[in-house]
Amino acid sequence: MNKNSQEFVDVLLKKLVKLNYITTFMDEDLSDIKRHEDDKILTKTMINNYTKNNLLPPPVKKKYSKEHIYVLTFIYYLKNILSISDIQKLLNPLTDKFFNTDGVPALDTIYKEIYDMEKLQLEALPQDVLGKTELSKQAFCDVENEEDKDFLQLFMLVCLLSFDVYMKKNIIESLIDDYTAKKASSDKPKTKEEIKEEKREAKEEAKEAKRAAKQKK
């Protein structure tokens, strides 16, 4: 972002706005992370597809709120490393509980806390990249051709950075899979045998508690 979190929240919608405002706003606010000047951060088609794929809650009478901006920002960053399916698994619980609801914390509070934490991570990033750069310069020192050596050391740096991203992506996917599996298990109706077992265990615990109370007397 090219604004601090509070300024960003202040600029956000204090009333519902139309789709073309959203695309313009996002394009301008995220302009500092574009690779090329003519790159598009978001288009109307993208936003409509996010809604169709159940990533983004639908607008109210074709107008969008600041909560939509928050979710779109999450989507923008996540889509660079995660599949649409994985993003959906992450965002659906978020929007179900905290999007235009009385859920605590509010979505803007969630966004601000994540944004502030990411800023702290950003401060450590240059040191990490510098360390990998120095490491890559130690490789291919026996290559005599300077142009070849420069390229191979650059390639080494790209591979080191890519491996870091790859490993973290695997960790993220495992976290999502674990959460999804636990959620599916908790949502699954219990069988009669499981219910009976829970009742039996509850009775045993009650008996044990009574025995302990008697012993204290």
C-alpha atoms as a PDB file:
ATOM      1  CA  MET A   1       0.000   0.000   0.000  1.00  0.00           C
ATOM      2  CA  ASN A   2       1.139   3.541  -0.591  1.00  0.00           C
ATOM      3  CA  LYS A   3      -0.708   4.921   2.462  1.00  0.00           C
ATOM      4  CA  ASN A   4      -0.574   4.044   6.096  1.00  0.00           C
ATOM      5  CA  SER A   5      -3.382   1.864   7.351  1.00  0.00           C
ATOM      6  CA  GLN A   6      -5.387   4.586   9.076  1.00  0.00           C
ATOM      7  CA  GLU A   7      -5.261   6.902   6.058  1.00  0.00           C
ATOM      8  CA  PHE A   8      -6.308   3.991   3.884  1.00  0.00           C
ATOM      9  CA  VAL A   9      -9.316   3.301   6.109  1.00  0.00           C
ATOM     10  CA  ASP A  10     -10.218   7.011   6.145  1.00  0.00           C
ATOM     11  CA  VAL A  11     -10.171   7.178   2.344  1.00  0.00           C
ATOM     12  CA  LEU A  12     -12.407   4.136   2.065  1.00  0.00           C
ATOM     13  CA  LEU A  13     -16.055   4.401   1.350  1.00  0.00           C
ATOM     14  CA  LYS A  14     -18.271   6.134   3.811  1.00  0.00           C
ATOM     15  CA  LYS A  15     -21.159   5.267   1.513  1.00  0.00           C
ATOM     16  CA  LEU A  16     -21.847   2.609  -1.078  1.00  0.00           C
ATOM     17  CA  VAL A  17     -20.200   3.263  -4.442  1.00  0.00           C
ATOM     18  CA  LYS A  18     -20.389   1.840  -7.941  1.00  0.00           C
ATOM     19  CA  LEU A  19     -18.076  -0.727  -9.506  1.00  0.00           C
ATOM     20  CA  ASN A  20     -16.128   1.724 -11.671  1.00  0.00           C
ATOM     21  CA  TYR A  21     -15.089   3.638  -8.534  1.00  0.00           C
ATOM     22  CA  ILE A  22     -13.800   0.432  -6.978  1.00  0.00           C
ATOM     23  CA  THR A  23     -11.576  -0.439  -9.949  1.00  0.00           C
ATOM     24  CA  THR A  24     -10.205   3.117 -10.150  1.00  0.00           C
ATOM     25  CA  PHE A  25      -9.585   3.295  -6.418  1.00  0.00           C
ATOM     26  CA  MET A  26      -7.797  -0.063  -6.264  1.00  0.00           C
ATOM     27  CA  ASP A  27      -5.763   0.694  -9.383  1.00  0.00           C
ATOM     28  CA  GLU A  28      -4.520   3.973  -7.926  1.00  0.00           C
ATOM     29  CA  ASP A  29      -3.977   2.765  -4.376  1.00  0.00           C
ATOM     30  CA  LEU A  30      -1.989  -0.312  -5.408  1.00  0.00           C
ATOM     31  CA  SER A  31      -0.114   1.419  -8.219  1.00  0.00           C
ATOM     32  CA  ASP A  32       3.227   1.201  -6.412  1.00  0.00           C
ATOM     33  CA  ILE A  33       3.285  -2.605  -6.681  1.00  0.00           C
ATOM     34  CA  LYS A  34       2.588  -2.791 -10.412  1.00  0.00           C
ATOM     35  CA  ARG A  35       5.345  -4.439 -12.422  1.00  0.00           C
ATOM     36  CA  HIS A  36       4.449  -2.521 -15.577  1.00  0.00           C
ATOM     37  CA  GLU A  37       2.744   0.824 -15.885  1.00  0.00           C
ATOM     38  CA  ASP A  38      -0.153  -0.522 -17.950  1.00  0.00           C
ATOM     39  CA  ASP A  39      -0.844  -3.494 -15.642  1.00  0.00           C
ATOM     40  CA  LYS A  40      -4.385  -3.654 -14.322  1.00  0.00           C
ATOM     41  CA  ILE A  41      -4.852  -4.337 -10.621  1.00  0.00           C
ATOM     42  CA  LEU A  42      -8.552  -5.093 -10.952  1.00  0.00           C
ATOM     43  CA  THR A  43     -11.116  -5.022 -13.716  1.00  0.00           C
ATOM     44  CA  LYS A  44     -14.905  -5.146 -13.646  1.00  0.00           C
ATOM     45  CA  THR A  45     -14.753  -8.647 -15.121  1.00  0.00           C
ATOM     46  CA  MET A  46     -12.420  -9.833 -12.346  1.00  0.00           C
ATOM     47  CA  ILE A  47     -14.686  -8.458  -9.626  1.00  0.00           C
ATOM     48  CA  ASN A  48     -17.781  -9.995 -11.204  1.00  0.00           C
ATOM     49  CA  ASN A  49     -15.989 -13.343 -11.435  1.00  0.00           C
ATOM     50  CA  TYR A  50     -14.968 -13.146  -7.773  1.00  0.00           C
ATOM     51  CA  THR A  51     -18.610 -12.688  -6.875  1.00  0.00           C
ATOM     52  CA  LYS A  52     -19.692 -15.583  -9.108  1.00  0.00           C
ATOM     53  CA  ASN A  53     -17.022 -17.831  -7.541  1.00  0.00           C
ATOM     54  CA  ASN A  54     -18.219 -16.957  -4.034  1.00  0.00           C
ATOM     55  CA  LEU A  55     -15.001 -15.136  -3.119  1.00  0.00           C
ATOM     56  CA  LEU A  56     -16.626 -11.734  -2.768  1.00  0.00           C
ATOM     57  CA  PRO A  57     -20.069 -11.059  -1.290  1.00  0.00           C
ATOM     58  CA  PRO A  58     -22.451  -9.551  -3.856  1.00  0.00           C
ATOM     59  CA  PRO A  59     -22.928  -5.772  -3.958  1.00  0.00           C
ATOM     60  CA  VAL A  60     -25.993  -4.074  -2.547  1.00  0.00           C
ATOM     61  CA  LYS A  61     -28.021  -2.756  -5.480  1.00  0.00           C
ATOM     62  CA  LYS A  62     -24.855  -2.817  -7.631  1.00  0.00           C
ATOM     63  CA  LYS A  63     -22.949  -0.744  -5.075  1.00  0.00           C
ATOM     64  CA  TYR A  64     -19.975  -1.697  -2.928  1.00  0.00           C
ATOM     65  CA  SER A  65     -18.904  -0.945   0.648  1.00  0.00           C
ATOM     66  CA  LYS A  66     -15.539  -0.566   2.354  1.00  0.00           C
ATOM     67  CA  GLU A  67     -15.827  -4.228   3.397  1.00  0.00           C
ATOM     68  CA  HIS A  68     -15.723  -5.137  -0.288  1.00  0.00           C
ATOM     69  CA  ILE A  69     -12.464  -3.170  -0.596  1.00  0.00           C
ATOM     70  CA  TYR A  70     -10.916  -5.143   2.252  1.00  0.00           C
ATOM     71  CA  VAL A  71     -11.894  -8.492   0.738  1.00  0.00           C
ATOM     72  CA  LEU A  72     -10.709  -7.448  -2.725  1.00  0.00           C
ATOM     73  CA  THR A  73      -7.355  -6.456  -1.254  1.00  0.00           C
ATOM     74  CA  PHE A  74      -7.008  -9.878   0.381  1.00  0.00           C
ATOM     75  CA  ILE A  75      -7.936 -11.544  -2.920  1.00  0.00           C
ATOM     76  CA  TYR A  76      -5.399  -9.470  -4.846  1.00  0.00           C
ATOM     77  CA  TYR A  77      -2.501 -10.582  -2.671  1.00  0.00           C
ATOM     78  CA  LEU A  78      -3.612 -14.188  -2.167  1.00  0.00           C
ATOM     79  CA  LYS A  79      -4.305 -14.926  -5.837  1.00  0.00           C
ATOM     80  CA  ASN A  80      -0.605 -14.526  -6.644  1.00  0.00           C
ATOM     81  CA  ILE A  81       0.263 -17.668  -4.675  1.00  0.00           C
ATOM     82  CA  LEU A  82      -2.957 -19.599  -4.005  1.00  0.00           C
ATOM     83  CA  SER A  83      -5.602 -21.267  -6.141  1.00  0.00           C
ATOM     84  CA  ILE A  84      -9.122 -19.836  -6.315  1.00  0.00           C
ATOM     85  CA  SER A  85     -10.306 -22.901  -4.398  1.00  0.00           C
ATOM     86  CA  ASP A  86      -7.882 -22.276  -1.523  1.00  0.00           C
ATOM     87  CA  ILE A  87      -8.731 -18.576  -1.401  1.00  0.00           C
ATOM     88  CA  GLN A  88     -12.396 -19.510  -1.195  1.00  0.00           C
ATOM     89  CA  LYS A  89     -11.702 -21.834   1.755  1.00  0.00           C
ATOM     90  CA  LEU A  90      -9.982 -18.954   3.555  1.00  0.00           C
ATOM     91  CA  LEU A  91     -12.333 -16.118   2.707  1.00  0.00           C
ATOM     92  CA  ASN A  92     -15.694 -17.844   3.126  1.00  0.00           C
ATOM     93  CA  PRO A  93     -15.363 -18.161   6.941  1.00  0.00           C
ATOM     94  CA  LEU A  94     -14.089 -14.581   7.068  1.00  0.00           C
ATOM     95  CA  THR A  95     -16.988 -13.091   5.114  1.00  0.00           C
ATOM     96  CA  ASP A  96     -19.586 -15.354   6.745  1.00  0.00           C
ATOM     97  CA  LYS A  97     -18.655 -14.169  10.236  1.00  0.00           C
ATOM     98  CA  PHE A  98     -17.304 -10.651   9.801  1.00  0.00           C
ATOM     99  CA  PHE A  99     -18.630  -9.132   6.553  1.00  0.00           C
ATOM    100  CA  ASN A 100     -21.398  -6.613   7.353  1.00  0.00           C
ATOM    101  CA  THR A 101     -22.252  -8.510  10.530  1.00  0.00           C
ATOM    102  CA  ASP A 102     -22.119  -7.848  14.249  1.00  0.00           C
ATOM    103  CA  GLY A 103     -19.161 -10.201  14.474  1.00  0.00           C
ATOM    104  CA  VAL A 104     -16.268  -9.176  16.694  1.00  0.00           C
ATOM    105  CA  PRO A 105     -13.729  -8.045  15.668  1.00  0.00           C
ATOM    106  CA  ALA A 106     -15.103  -5.985  12.799  1.00  0.00           C
ATOM    107  CA  LEU A 107     -13.654  -6.544   9.341  1.00  0.00           C
ATOM    108  CA  ASP A 108     -11.879  -3.177   9.313  1.00  0.00           C
ATOM    109  CA  THR A 109     -10.203  -4.078  12.613  1.00  0.00           C
ATOM    110  CA  ILE A 110      -9.098  -7.414  11.138  1.00  0.00           C
ATOM    111  CA  TYR A 111      -7.717  -5.676   8.061  1.00  0.00           C
ATOM    112  CA  LYS A 112      -5.844  -3.054  10.092  1.00  0.00           C
ATOM    113  CA  GLU A 113      -4.237  -5.608  12.415  1.00  0.00           C
ATOM    114  CA  ILE A 114      -3.073  -7.773   9.512  1.00  0.00           C
ATOM    115  CA  TYR A 115      -1.813  -4.721   7.627  1.00  0.00           C
ATOM    116  CA  ASP A 116       0.176  -3.456  10.636  1.00  0.00           C
ATOM    117  CA  MET A 117       1.694  -6.895  11.224  1.00  0.00           C
ATOM    118  CA  GLU A 118       2.697  -7.153   7.566  1.00  0.00           C
ATOM    119  CA  LYS A 119       4.433  -3.784   7.793  1.00  0.00           C
ATOM    120  CA  LEU A 120       6.630  -5.223  10.544  1.00  0.00           C
ATOM    121  CA  GLN A 121       7.456  -8.208   8.327  1.00  0.00           C
ATOM    122  CA  LEU A 122       8.333  -5.836   5.496  1.00  0.00           C
ATOM    123  CA  GLU A 123      11.012  -4.197   7.628  1.00  0.00           C
ATOM    124  CA  ALA A 124      12.872  -7.524   7.924  1.00  0.00           C
ATOM    125  CA  LEU A 125      12.619  -8.352   4.210  1.00  0.00           C
ATOM    126  CA  PRO A 126      15.616  -6.312   2.919  1.00  0.00           C
ATOM    127  CA  GLN A 127      17.941  -8.073   5.366  1.00  0.00           C
ATOM    128  CA  ASP A 128      16.689 -11.474   4.209  1.00  0.00           C
ATOM    129  CA  VAL A 129      17.172 -10.597   0.530  1.00  0.00           C
ATOM    130  CA  LEU A 130      20.603  -9.125   1.273  1.00  0.00           C
ATOM    131  CA  GLY A 131      21.638 -12.344   3.018  1.00  0.00           C
ATOM    132  CA  LYS A 132      20.576 -14.453   0.048  1.00  0.00           C
ATOM    133  CA  THR A 133      22.321 -12.028  -2.323  1.00  0.00           C
ATOM    134  CA  GLU A 134      25.600 -12.403  -0.432  1.00  0.00           C
ATOM    135  CA  LEU A 135      25.129 -16.167  -0.431  1.00  0.00           C
ATOM    136  CA  SER A 136      24.600 -16.261  -4.193  1.00  0.00           C
ATOM    137  CA  LYS A 137      27.811 -14.267  -4.748  1.00  0.00           C
ATOM    138  CA  GLN A 138      29.734 -17.103  -3.148  1.00  0.00           C
ATOM    139  CA  ALA A 139      28.595 -19.465  -5.909  1.00  0.00           C
ATOM    140  CA  PHE A 140      30.271 -20.072  -9.281  1.00  0.00           C
ATOM    141  CA  CYS A 141      33.388 -18.165  -8.270  1.00  0.00           C
ATOM    142  CA  ASP A 142      35.469 -20.469 -10.464  1.00  0.00           C
ATOM    143  CA  VAL A 143      33.663 -19.338 -13.636  1.00  0.00           C
ATOM    144  CA  GLU A 144      36.135 -17.205 -15.549  1.00  0.00           C
ATOM    145  CA  ASN A 145      33.747 -15.466 -17.908  1.00  0.00           C
ATOM    146  CA  GLU A 146      32.401 -12.506 -15.922  1.00  0.00           C
ATOM    147  CA  GLU A 147      29.163 -12.273 -17.903  1.00  0.00           C
ATOM    148  CA  ASP A 148      28.439 -15.965 -17.358  1.00  0.00           C
ATOM    149  CA  LYS A 149      29.337 -15.712 -13.687  1.00  0.00           C
ATOM    150  CA  ASP A 150      27.036 -12.712 -13.181  1.00  0.00           C
ATOM    151  CA  PHE A 151      24.163 -14.548 -14.838  1.00  0.00           C
ATOM    152  CA  LEU A 152      24.695 -17.755 -12.842  1.00  0.00           C
ATOM    153  CA  GLN A 153      24.859 -15.825  -9.577  1.00  0.00           C
ATOM    154  CA  LEU A 154      21.660 -13.997 -10.531  1.00  0.00           C
ATOM    155  CA  PHE A 155      20.073 -17.333 -11.365  1.00  0.00           C
ATOM    156  CA  MET A 156      21.222 -18.660  -7.978  1.00  0.00           C
ATOM    157  CA  LEU A 157      19.592 -15.697  -6.203  1.00  0.00           C
ATOM    158  CA  VAL A 158      16.322 -16.169  -8.086  1.00  0.00           C
ATOM    159  CA  CYS A 159      16.335 -19.879  -7.197  1.00  0.00           C
ATOM    160  CA  LEU A 160      17.005 -19.146  -3.503  1.00  0.00           C
ATOM    161  CA  LEU A 161      14.171 -16.617  -3.364  1.00  0.00           C
ATOM    162  CA  SER A 162      11.856 -18.915  -5.321  1.00  0.00           C
ATOM    163  CA  PHE A 163      12.607 -21.859  -3.047  1.00  0.00           C
ATOM    164  CA  ASP A 164      11.678 -19.716  -0.057  1.00  0.00           C
ATOM    165  CA  VAL A 165       8.350 -18.831  -1.691  1.00  0.00           C
ATOM    166  CA  TYR A 166       7.770 -22.453  -2.737  1.00  0.00           C
ATOM    167  CA  MET A 167       8.314 -23.817   0.771  1.00  0.00           C
ATOM    168  CA  LYS A 168       6.084 -21.170   2.358  1.00  0.00           C
ATOM    169  CA  LYS A 169       3.410 -21.877  -0.251  1.00  0.00           C
ATOM    170  CA  ASN A 170       3.493 -25.559   0.735  1.00  0.00           C
ATOM    171  CA  ILE A 171       3.123 -24.616   4.395  1.00  0.00           C
ATOM    172  CA  ILE A 172       0.177 -22.324   3.589  1.00  0.00           C
ATOM    173  CA  GLU A 173      -1.566 -25.057   1.592  1.00  0.00           C
ATOM    174  CA  SER A 174      -1.046 -27.544   4.455  1.00  0.00           C
ATOM    175  CA  LEU A 175      -2.536 -25.066   6.925  1.00  0.00           C
ATOM    176  CA  ILE A 176      -5.579 -24.581   4.683  1.00  0.00           C
ATOM    177  CA  ASP A 177      -5.986 -28.348   4.201  1.00  0.00           C
ATOM    178  CA  ASP A 178      -5.786 -28.961   7.966  1.00  0.00           C
ATOM    179  CA  TYR A 179      -8.359 -26.257   8.671  1.00  0.00           C
ATOM    180  CA  THR A 180     -10.702 -27.578   5.962  1.00  0.00           C
ATOM    181  CA  ALA A 181     -10.431 -31.139   7.270  1.00  0.00           C
ATOM    182  CA  LYS A 182     -11.150 -30.068  10.862  1.00  0.00           C
ATOM    183  CA  LYS A 183     -14.073 -27.920   9.712  1.00  0.00           C
ATOM    184  CA  ALA A 184     -15.545 -30.802   7.698  1.00  0.00           C
ATOM    185  CA  SER A 185     -15.135 -33.125  10.676  1.00  0.00           C
ATOM    186  CA  SER A 186     -16.842 -30.719  13.091  1.00  0.00           C
ATOM    187  CA  ASP A 187     -19.691 -30.064  10.635  1.00  0.00           C
ATOM    188  CA  LYS A 188     -20.269 -33.774  10.002  1.00  0.00           C
ATOM    189  CA  PRO A 189     -23.360 -35.134  11.815  1.00  0.00           C
ATOM    190  CA  LYS A 190     -22.463 -37.494  14.632  1.00  0.00           C
ATOM    191  CA  THR A 191     -23.459 -41.137  14.352  1.00  0.00           C
ATOM    192  CA  LYS A 192     -25.649 -42.823  16.975  1.00  0.00           C
ATOM    193  CA  GLU A 193     -22.606 -44.723  18.205  1.00  0.00           C
ATOM    194  CA  GLU A 194     -20.637 -41.493  18.674  1.00  0.00           C
ATOM    195  CA  ILE A 195     -23.516 -39.888  20.570  1.00  0.00           C
ATOM    196  CA  LYS A 196     -23.829 -42.967  22.809  1.00  0.00           C
ATOM    197  CA  GLU A 197     -20.082 -42.932  23.455  1.00  0.00           C
ATOM    198  CA  GLU A 198     -20.177 -39.240  24.401  1.00  0.00           C
ATOM    199  CA  LYS A 199     -23.044 -39.875  26.833  1.00  0.00           C
ATOM    200  CA  ARG A 200     -21.213 -42.831  28.340  1.00  0.00           C
ATOM    201  CA  GLU A 201     -18.060 -40.738  28.811  1.00  0.00           C
ATOM    202  CA  ALA A 202     -20.100 -37.914  30.347  1.00  0.00           C
ATOM    203  CA  LYS A 203     -21.651 -40.341  32.857  1.00  0.00           C
ATOM    204  CA  GLU A 204     -18.240 -41.737  33.745  1.00  0.00           C
ATOM    205  CA  GLU A 205     -16.897 -38.223  34.284  1.00  0.00           C
ATOM    206  CA  ALA A 206     -19.888 -37.389  36.509  1.00  0.00           C
ATOM    207  CA  LYS A 207     -19.340 -40.528  38.592  1.00  0.00           C
ATOM    208  CA  GLU A 208     -15.649 -39.730  38.930  1.00  0.00           C
ATOM    209  CA  ALA A 209     -16.470 -36.221  40.062  1.00  0.00           C
ATOM    210  CA  LYS A 210     -18.865 -37.569  42.725  1.00  0.00           C
ATOM    211  CA  ARG A 211     -16.232 -40.016  43.980  1.00  0.00           C
ATOM    212  CA  ALA A 212     -13.676 -37.212  44.225  1.00  0.00           C
ATOM    213  CA  ALA A 213     -16.169 -35.019  46.125  1.00  0.00           C
ATOM    214  CA  LYS A 214     -16.887 -37.832  48.627  1.00  0.00           C
ATOM    215  CA  GLN A 215     -13.186 -38.446  49.215  1.00  0.00           C
ATOM    216  CA  LYS A 216     -12.655 -34.786  50.045  1.00  0.00           C
ATOM    217  CA  LYS A 217     -15.387 -35.027  52.691  1.00  0.00           C
END
